[in-house]
Each structure stands twice: as structure tokens, then as C-alpha cells.
Amino acid sequence: MIGERLQRARESASLSLRALAEKVCVSQTTISKYEKNITMPDSEMLLKLSKALDVKTAYFYRTDSFVLENIEYRKRDIPSTELRTIESKILDQVEKRFEIESLFPKPPFESFTIPNIVRKKINFLKEIDKIAYELRNTWELGYDPISDLSDILELHGIKIFMIDENADNNFDGLAAKVNGEQIIVVSKNWPGDRQRFTLAHELGHLLLEKKLGPKLDEEKASDRFAGAFLLPAIPLINRLGTFRKNIEIAELALIKEEFGVSMQTVFIRANHAGIINYFCSNNLWKLFKKNGWNINEPGRDYPGEKLYVFKQLVLRALSEDLIVESKAADALNMSLAKFKKFRNSGK
């Protein structure tokens, strides 16, 4: 068991066998033997490995085993070595969360169930808008902006995780199952509007799986769902009018700030809602591409998503004497000093 956990910690730290071997002054072959459980590191070596990998020695002795199943990546052009690193980081967080949740006599949240709102095969993208609106009604969200999307998904049984992943590697997010529970993971290093679109996109995958006609692409269908779920046509028409020949950049920025979607999503949704025609939408796209706004939009970034639910769960476990302070700090990946400050101020 130590070997598997050592490999996961190494991959989570983005270290090769050789790089870790150099850090602890042994050969690459020795590390390989540890990971394959051919030989076992002694207590002194475990301390060195713990320091090199920034984990506690107790990490190597945990017995729970979790596996990511039914993995669905939003981006697929990521090298396999980076995917293993990403999955290792996710499993570390999953392990801590499930351990905390297991302390409560009754599960803190119900498991996610797919609402019965897709009742027939979907053959046209425009049909997906109705599904997004019906989910909003089922979850009693109305047509108002969704300010805390992560919390909404958590309260409906989807566990949300955020990993610190370099934006250069194109990782947006993924959906998977762990022990029968649905999870969605997003990268911490993207702006909030991109994180929110990824969350809604992965939600779309869950709802639309095996419900699409043969001519529809699942990625495009999930994008359509995400846009309609985050920015329904009715409030967009209320703000822009029923028909426009053009839209000001400042208008796009205001709607972005209100609904937490990118400016590009705003004019794409305006086209879907019939407010602007394809010609106008395409001209806006060309303008964005010409100015590099398709990569970095003008104005302020939308604030990143905040994950409150698990922090509250950890604090609840601490207040009910289910865990000690050091365990709570470890669960939230904080030093004890930082956690004490957080405990007393919430910051």
C-alpha cells in the first residue's frame, strides 16, 4: 500500500522517479522498488520522502482506496503524464473529503440523481435550451443570475473540487465518479467565468449522456447547455431588447459581470436567442479574435469560484469534536498556524 501512495504523492508533486531520488539521495531504482512494494522504506527514509513530497508520514499509512471512474475531461489534448499528475491531486482531495464526511452518522448531503427532464432523444441544439430552463425550474432557480454555482451543485449532491493546475496545460475540468458519488473538478487558475462555464458544461454532460441524436456532438451540446443554464434567453432579452443590429462591448461587459459568463458567451447566447443574427455574432467574434480578446477579454476578470461547503463541513466536524485542530488544518491543506488564523477570522 505504501508503494501506491508514494507513487500518487510523487505524481501529485509533478516529480519524476529521478527527481524524487535526487531529493532523498537514493537511486532511481530504489524509488521504483518502493513504489512497486518490492522493498519498504525505513522510518528515516519515510521522513525524507514526506519532506520531499510535502505530505505527512501518516499519509503513507492510510488504508482507504479511491478510484476515479467514468472520467470525462473537458480538454483532451493533455499528455498522459500530466493527466496522472492531475488525477493524483484530485484523489488526495477526494480522500480527505470522504474521510471527513464519514465521521458524521448521516451523510451531510444526498447523492446526486439526474432529474427526469430529458424525456426523448435530442436531435437539435436549440432543444437543449428548454432542458436548461427546466433544470432551473426543478432546482427553483428562476431566471436570476446564479451567484454561487459551486454551492448549488453541492447542495444537489455533486461534490466540487478545485486543483492548483498550471493554466498552460489546457486543463479546464473533469467529471467523474468516486464510490458511486458524482464529482466535478475545475482548475483554480482560470477566471471565474471560465470555471463556471466548465462546471455547467460538465453538468450538461451528466444530463445529456446517451440522450443525443447521432448528428449531435456531445461537447457542443454541453456547451449549449452551459450557456443556456447560466444565461437564459428571457433575462438577456430584457437587457438587450428583442432585436439588435449590434451590441456595444460595454454591454457585453455589464452582462458578464452580472451573470458570470464570458463576453463571448453573451453574444453567442444573444444569437441563440434571436437578438442578433449570425452575421453580427460572427463580426463580434472576428473583432475579439483580432484584438486577442478570445484569449484575454478586456476589463476585469470575473472573480473565481469559492468552495464554501467543504470548509463548513470541516469546521462543523471540529466544533462537534469529531476531529482535532491539526486534522482540520490538514483537511483544508493549511498549516496549523494559518488554520488558527482562519478559525478565528474566517480569512
Protein backbone atom coordinates (compact mmCIF):
# COMPACT_ATOMS: atom_id res chain seq x y z
CA MET A 1 0.00 0.00 0.00
CA ILE A 2 2.86 2.38 0.77
CA GLY A 3 4.14 1.96 -2.77
CA GLU A 4 0.88 3.07 -4.38
CA ARG A 5 0.60 6.06 -2.08
CA LEU A 6 4.23 7.02 -2.72
CA GLN A 7 3.62 6.96 -6.47
CA ARG A 8 0.48 9.08 -6.10
CA ALA A 9 2.28 11.65 -3.95
CA ARG A 10 5.17 11.80 -6.42
CA GLU A 11 2.86 12.30 -9.38
CA SER A 12 0.85 14.89 -7.45
CA ALA A 13 4.11 16.79 -6.86
CA SER A 14 4.94 16.51 -10.60
CA LEU A 15 8.23 14.75 -9.83
CA SER A 16 9.85 12.05 -11.94
CA LEU A 17 11.39 8.98 -10.31
CA ARG A 18 14.84 10.50 -10.84
CA ALA A 19 13.86 13.91 -9.43
CA LEU A 20 12.49 12.37 -6.22
CA ALA A 21 15.52 10.06 -5.92
CA GLU A 22 17.83 13.07 -6.07
CA LYS A 23 15.83 14.88 -3.39
CA VAL A 24 16.20 12.00 -0.91
CA CYS A 25 19.71 10.93 -2.03
CA VAL A 26 18.94 7.42 -3.28
CA SER A 27 18.91 5.82 -6.72
CA GLN A 28 16.01 5.96 -9.15
CA THR A 29 15.87 2.16 -8.92
CA THR A 30 15.33 2.37 -5.16
CA ILE A 31 12.34 4.68 -5.56
CA SER A 32 10.95 2.37 -8.24
CA LYS A 33 11.27 -0.61 -5.89
CA TYR A 34 9.48 1.34 -3.14
CA GLU A 35 6.60 2.14 -5.50
CA LYS A 36 6.32 -1.47 -6.64
CA ASN A 37 6.36 -2.65 -2.99
CA ILE A 38 9.45 -4.76 -3.70
CA THR A 39 11.26 -3.11 -0.80
CA MET A 40 9.95 -0.92 2.01
CA PRO A 41 11.44 2.42 3.09
CA ASP A 42 12.51 2.54 6.73
CA SER A 43 11.23 5.21 9.12
CA GLU A 44 14.14 7.55 8.38
CA MET A 45 13.52 7.31 4.64
CA LEU A 46 9.79 7.86 5.12
CA LEU A 47 10.58 11.13 6.88
CA LYS A 48 12.77 12.19 3.96
CA LEU A 49 10.09 11.23 1.44
CA SER A 50 7.44 13.08 3.46
CA LYS A 51 9.53 16.25 3.46
CA ALA A 52 10.37 15.97 -0.25
CA LEU A 53 6.73 15.41 -1.21
CA ASP A 54 5.23 17.85 1.32
CA VAL A 55 2.99 15.24 2.96
CA LYS A 56 2.77 13.91 6.49
CA THR A 57 4.18 10.45 7.23
CA ALA A 58 0.67 9.36 8.25
CA TYR A 59 -0.30 9.80 4.60
CA PHE A 60 1.61 6.64 3.68
CA TYR A 61 -0.36 4.51 6.14
CA ARG A 62 -3.92 5.43 5.17
CA THR A 63 -5.87 2.37 4.11
CA ASP A 64 -8.81 3.85 2.19
CA SER A 65 -8.53 3.40 -1.55
CA PHE A 66 -10.37 5.60 -4.04
CA VAL A 67 -10.56 5.36 -7.82
CA LEU A 68 -11.79 7.89 -10.35
CA GLU A 69 -14.35 6.21 -12.59
CA ASN A 70 -16.23 7.33 -15.71
CA ILE A 71 -13.78 10.20 -16.17
CA GLU A 72 -14.89 12.87 -18.64
CA TYR A 73 -12.31 15.56 -19.42
CA ARG A 74 -13.40 18.82 -20.97
CA LYS A 75 -9.99 19.14 -22.64
CA ARG A 76 -8.39 16.05 -24.18
CA ASP A 77 -5.08 17.36 -25.54
CA ILE A 78 -3.15 16.84 -22.30
CA PRO A 79 -0.13 14.48 -22.12
CA SER A 80 -0.74 11.27 -20.18
CA THR A 81 1.95 12.14 -17.61
CA GLU A 82 0.15 15.40 -16.79
CA LEU A 83 -3.18 13.60 -16.60
CA ARG A 84 -1.72 11.23 -13.99
CA THR A 85 -0.50 14.24 -12.00
CA ILE A 86 -3.93 15.83 -12.19
CA GLU A 87 -5.69 12.64 -11.12
CA SER A 88 -3.28 12.19 -8.20
CA LYS A 89 -4.01 15.72 -6.96
CA ILE A 90 -7.73 15.04 -7.22
CA LEU A 91 -7.51 11.74 -5.34
CA ASP A 92 -5.67 13.44 -2.46
CA GLN A 93 -8.55 15.90 -2.06
CA VAL A 94 -11.18 13.20 -2.55
CA GLU A 95 -9.61 11.08 0.18
CA LYS A 96 -9.66 13.93 2.69
CA ARG A 97 -13.24 14.87 1.88
CA PHE A 98 -14.63 11.35 2.11
CA GLU A 99 -12.78 10.83 5.39
CA ILE A 100 -14.39 13.93 6.91
CA GLU A 101 -17.85 13.02 5.61
CA SER A 102 -17.55 9.50 7.02
CA LEU A 103 -17.34 10.95 10.55
CA PHE A 104 -20.97 12.05 10.52
CA PRO A 105 -23.67 9.49 11.45
CA LYS A 106 -25.78 10.60 8.49
CA PRO A 107 -24.31 11.69 5.13
CA PRO A 108 -24.26 15.52 5.07
CA PHE A 109 -25.75 15.60 1.55
CA GLU A 110 -27.92 13.38 -0.59
CA SER A 111 -26.28 11.70 -3.57
CA PHE A 112 -26.79 13.32 -6.96
CA THR A 113 -29.63 11.96 -9.06
CA ILE A 114 -30.21 13.02 -12.65
CA PRO A 115 -33.54 14.88 -12.85
CA ASN A 116 -36.07 13.37 -15.22
CA ILE A 117 -36.16 16.31 -17.61
CA VAL A 118 -34.72 14.74 -20.78
CA ARG A 119 -37.58 12.51 -21.88
CA LYS A 120 -36.72 11.88 -25.53
CA LYS A 121 -33.79 11.90 -27.93
CA ILE A 122 -32.43 15.37 -28.67
CA ASN A 123 -31.86 16.00 -32.37
CA PHE A 124 -31.32 19.77 -32.48
CA LEU A 125 -29.10 22.01 -30.35
CA LYS A 126 -31.88 24.54 -29.80
CA GLU A 127 -33.85 21.87 -27.89
CA ILE A 128 -31.16 21.93 -25.19
CA ASP A 129 -32.15 25.44 -24.08
CA LYS A 130 -35.50 24.11 -22.86
CA ILE A 131 -33.71 21.40 -20.85
CA ALA A 132 -31.51 24.02 -19.18
CA TYR A 133 -34.56 26.13 -18.28
CA GLU A 134 -36.42 23.09 -16.96
CA LEU A 135 -33.49 22.24 -14.68
CA ARG A 136 -33.52 25.80 -13.37
CA ASN A 137 -37.23 25.39 -12.58
CA THR A 138 -36.68 21.96 -10.98
CA TRP A 139 -33.98 23.44 -8.76
CA GLU A 140 -36.11 26.57 -8.11
CA LEU A 141 -33.51 28.96 -9.50
CA GLY A 142 -35.82 31.07 -11.64
CA TYR A 143 -34.05 33.18 -14.25
CA ASP A 144 -31.87 35.22 -11.91
CA PRO A 145 -28.06 35.14 -12.13
CA ILE A 146 -26.56 32.19 -10.24
CA SER A 147 -24.08 33.76 -7.86
CA ASP A 148 -22.70 30.61 -6.19
CA LEU A 149 -22.79 27.85 -8.79
CA SER A 150 -20.49 25.55 -6.80
CA ASP A 151 -22.79 25.72 -3.78
CA ILE A 152 -25.86 25.00 -5.93
CA LEU A 153 -24.22 21.87 -7.34
CA GLU A 154 -23.01 20.77 -3.89
CA LEU A 155 -26.48 21.11 -2.42
CA HIS A 156 -27.78 18.83 -5.17
CA GLY A 157 -25.23 16.12 -4.41
CA ILE A 158 -22.32 16.91 -6.76
CA LYS A 159 -19.03 17.24 -4.89
CA ILE A 160 -16.89 20.09 -6.27
CA PHE A 161 -13.11 20.09 -6.12
CA MET A 162 -10.59 22.68 -7.23
CA ILE A 163 -6.96 21.86 -8.00
CA ASP A 164 -3.99 24.16 -8.42
CA GLU A 165 -3.08 23.35 -12.01
CA ASN A 166 -0.96 25.42 -14.39
CA ALA A 167 -3.24 27.10 -16.93
CA ASP A 168 -0.70 26.41 -19.69
CA ASN A 169 -1.55 22.70 -19.76
CA ASN A 170 -5.14 23.34 -21.00
CA PHE A 171 -6.87 21.58 -18.11
CA ASP A 172 -10.32 23.11 -17.60
CA GLY A 173 -12.01 20.41 -15.60
CA LEU A 174 -13.45 16.93 -15.47
CA ALA A 175 -16.39 14.95 -14.20
CA ALA A 176 -16.02 11.53 -12.62
CA LYS A 177 -17.49 9.15 -10.06
CA VAL A 178 -15.85 8.05 -6.81
CA ASN A 179 -17.52 5.33 -4.74
CA GLY A 180 -20.72 5.99 -6.65
CA GLU A 181 -20.63 9.72 -5.86
CA GLN A 182 -20.54 12.31 -8.65
CA ILE A 183 -17.68 14.82 -8.59
CA ILE A 184 -16.68 17.75 -10.80
CA VAL A 185 -13.18 19.22 -10.71
CA VAL A 186 -12.09 22.62 -12.03
CA SER A 187 -8.75 24.38 -12.23
CA LYS A 188 -8.09 27.07 -9.63
CA ASN A 189 -6.09 29.18 -12.09
CA TRP A 190 -8.81 30.15 -14.57
CA PRO A 191 -11.03 33.27 -14.23
CA GLY A 192 -14.38 32.72 -12.56
CA ASP A 193 -16.44 32.90 -15.76
CA ARG A 194 -14.40 30.05 -17.27
CA GLN A 195 -14.65 27.98 -14.08
CA ARG A 196 -18.43 28.47 -14.02
CA PHE A 197 -18.80 27.55 -17.67
CA THR A 198 -16.77 24.38 -17.04
CA LEU A 199 -18.99 23.43 -14.09
CA ALA A 200 -22.13 23.98 -16.17
CA HIS A 201 -20.58 22.18 -19.15
CA GLU A 202 -19.84 19.09 -17.03
CA LEU A 203 -23.35 19.25 -15.60
CA GLY A 204 -24.58 19.22 -19.18
CA HIS A 205 -22.61 16.03 -19.85
CA LEU A 206 -24.37 14.34 -16.92
CA LEU A 207 -27.83 15.34 -18.11
CA LEU A 208 -27.30 14.71 -21.82
CA GLU A 209 -25.38 11.43 -21.68
CA LYS A 210 -26.92 8.90 -24.13
CA LYS A 211 -29.75 11.35 -24.88
CA LEU A 212 -28.31 12.95 -28.04
CA GLY A 213 -29.21 12.06 -31.61
CA PRO A 214 -26.49 10.69 -33.90
CA LYS A 215 -25.79 14.05 -35.58
CA LEU A 216 -25.10 15.99 -32.37
CA ASP A 217 -21.63 16.38 -30.87
CA GLU A 218 -21.68 15.94 -27.09
CA GLU A 219 -19.11 18.69 -26.45
CA LYS A 220 -21.07 21.25 -28.48
CA ALA A 221 -24.30 20.10 -26.85
CA SER A 222 -22.78 20.51 -23.37
CA ASP A 223 -21.53 23.98 -24.32
CA ARG A 224 -25.05 24.90 -25.46
CA PHE A 225 -26.47 23.64 -22.16
CA ALA A 226 -23.88 25.60 -20.14
CA GLY A 227 -24.65 28.86 -21.95
CA ALA A 228 -28.43 28.45 -21.61
CA PHE A 229 -28.22 27.39 -17.96
CA LEU A 230 -26.02 30.32 -16.94
CA LEU A 231 -27.61 32.94 -19.20
CA PRO A 232 -31.25 32.18 -20.16
CA ALA A 233 -32.84 33.99 -23.09
CA ILE A 234 -35.53 35.84 -21.09
CA PRO A 235 -33.23 37.99 -18.90
CA LEU A 236 -30.92 38.53 -21.89
CA ILE A 237 -33.81 39.87 -23.99
CA ASN A 238 -34.87 42.06 -21.04
CA ARG A 239 -31.43 43.67 -21.05
CA LEU A 240 -30.66 43.86 -24.77
CA GLY A 241 -34.08 44.02 -26.42
CA THR A 242 -35.71 41.63 -28.86
CA PHE A 243 -33.67 42.60 -31.93
CA ARG A 244 -30.35 44.39 -32.33
CA LYS A 245 -28.07 45.16 -35.26
CA ASN A 246 -25.06 45.45 -32.98
CA ILE A 247 -24.04 45.24 -29.32
CA GLU A 248 -21.60 47.52 -27.51
CA ILE A 249 -18.55 45.97 -25.86
CA ALA A 250 -19.53 47.73 -22.62
CA GLU A 251 -22.92 45.98 -22.74
CA LEU A 252 -21.20 42.62 -23.02
CA ALA A 253 -19.02 43.56 -20.04
CA LEU A 254 -22.02 44.53 -17.88
CA ILE A 255 -23.83 41.25 -18.58
CA LYS A 256 -20.61 39.34 -17.93
CA GLU A 257 -20.32 41.00 -14.53
CA GLU A 258 -23.96 40.29 -13.68
CA PHE A 259 -24.27 36.68 -14.87
CA GLY A 260 -20.68 35.45 -14.51
CA VAL A 261 -20.20 34.35 -18.12
CA SER A 262 -17.63 35.44 -20.70
CA MET A 263 -18.39 38.25 -23.15
CA GLN A 264 -18.13 35.69 -25.93
CA THR A 265 -20.84 33.61 -24.26
CA VAL A 266 -23.04 36.72 -24.09
CA PHE A 267 -23.01 37.42 -27.82
CA ILE A 268 -23.27 33.72 -28.68
CA ARG A 269 -26.33 33.49 -26.43
CA ALA A 270 -27.71 36.69 -27.99
CA ASN A 271 -27.51 34.92 -31.35
CA HIS A 272 -29.20 31.80 -29.92
CA ALA A 273 -31.99 33.99 -28.51
CA GLY A 274 -32.54 35.68 -31.91
CA ILE A 275 -31.48 39.09 -30.60
CA ILE A 276 -28.66 39.34 -33.16
CA ASN A 277 -28.19 37.41 -36.36
CA TYR A 278 -25.28 35.14 -37.24
CA PHE A 279 -23.63 37.91 -39.29
CA CYS A 280 -23.48 40.22 -36.24
CA SER A 281 -22.30 37.43 -33.95
CA ASN A 282 -19.58 36.46 -36.43
CA ASN A 283 -18.40 40.07 -36.72
CA LEU A 284 -18.11 40.27 -32.95
CA TRP A 285 -16.13 37.03 -32.94
CA LYS A 286 -13.75 38.44 -35.60
CA LEU A 287 -13.31 41.61 -33.51
CA PHE A 288 -12.49 39.56 -30.42
CA LYS A 289 -10.02 37.40 -32.30
CA LYS A 290 -8.34 40.41 -33.93
CA ASN A 291 -7.76 42.04 -30.53
CA GLY A 292 -6.79 38.83 -28.73
CA TRP A 293 -9.93 39.08 -26.60
CA ASN A 294 -10.82 35.47 -27.41
CA ILE A 295 -7.93 34.60 -25.05
CA ASN A 296 -7.92 37.56 -22.62
CA GLU A 297 -11.11 39.59 -22.58
CA PRO A 298 -10.95 43.34 -21.88
CA GLY A 299 -11.81 44.62 -18.43
CA ARG A 300 -11.68 42.88 -15.08
CA ASP A 301 -11.65 39.12 -14.65
CA TYR A 302 -14.78 37.67 -13.10
CA PRO A 303 -13.94 36.50 -9.53
CA GLY A 304 -13.04 32.82 -9.14
CA GLU A 305 -15.42 30.30 -7.61
CA LYS A 306 -15.21 29.84 -3.83
CA LEU A 307 -15.73 26.42 -2.30
CA TYR A 308 -17.52 27.01 0.99
CA VAL A 309 -19.31 23.71 1.60
CA PHE A 310 -16.31 21.54 2.49
CA LYS A 311 -14.75 24.24 4.68
CA GLN A 312 -18.02 24.48 6.60
CA LEU A 313 -18.11 20.70 6.92
CA VAL A 314 -14.58 20.62 8.37
CA LEU A 315 -15.43 23.38 10.86
CA ARG A 316 -18.58 21.54 11.85
CA ALA A 317 -16.60 18.35 12.46
CA LEU A 318 -14.15 20.34 14.58
CA SER A 319 -16.86 22.05 16.64
CA GLU A 320 -18.56 18.69 17.29
CA ASP A 321 -15.23 17.19 18.47
CA LEU A 322 -15.11 14.70 15.62
CA ILE A 323 -11.60 15.86 14.66
CA VAL A 324 -8.79 17.80 16.30
CA GLU A 325 -7.43 21.10 15.07
CA SER A 326 -4.40 19.60 13.32
CA LYS A 327 -6.68 17.21 11.40
CA ALA A 328 -8.88 20.10 10.31
CA ALA A 329 -5.84 22.03 9.09
CA ASP A 330 -4.63 19.03 7.11
CA ALA A 331 -8.07 18.52 5.53
CA LEU A 332 -8.01 22.09 4.25
CA ASN A 333 -4.35 21.92 3.16
CA MET A 334 -3.37 24.63 5.63
CA SER A 335 -0.54 24.91 8.08
CA LEU A 336 -1.69 24.82 11.69
CA ALA A 337 -0.79 28.49 12.12
CA LYS A 338 -2.75 29.50 9.03
CA PHE A 339 -5.73 27.41 10.12
CA LYS A 340 -5.76 29.02 13.58
CA LYS A 341 -5.94 32.43 11.89
CA PHE A 342 -8.70 31.20 9.57
CA ARG A 343 -10.60 29.69 12.50
CA ASN A 344 -10.60 32.99 14.36
CA SER A 345 -11.30 35.32 11.43
CA GLY A 346 -12.68 33.29 8.54
CA LYS A 347 -9.81 34.54 6.38
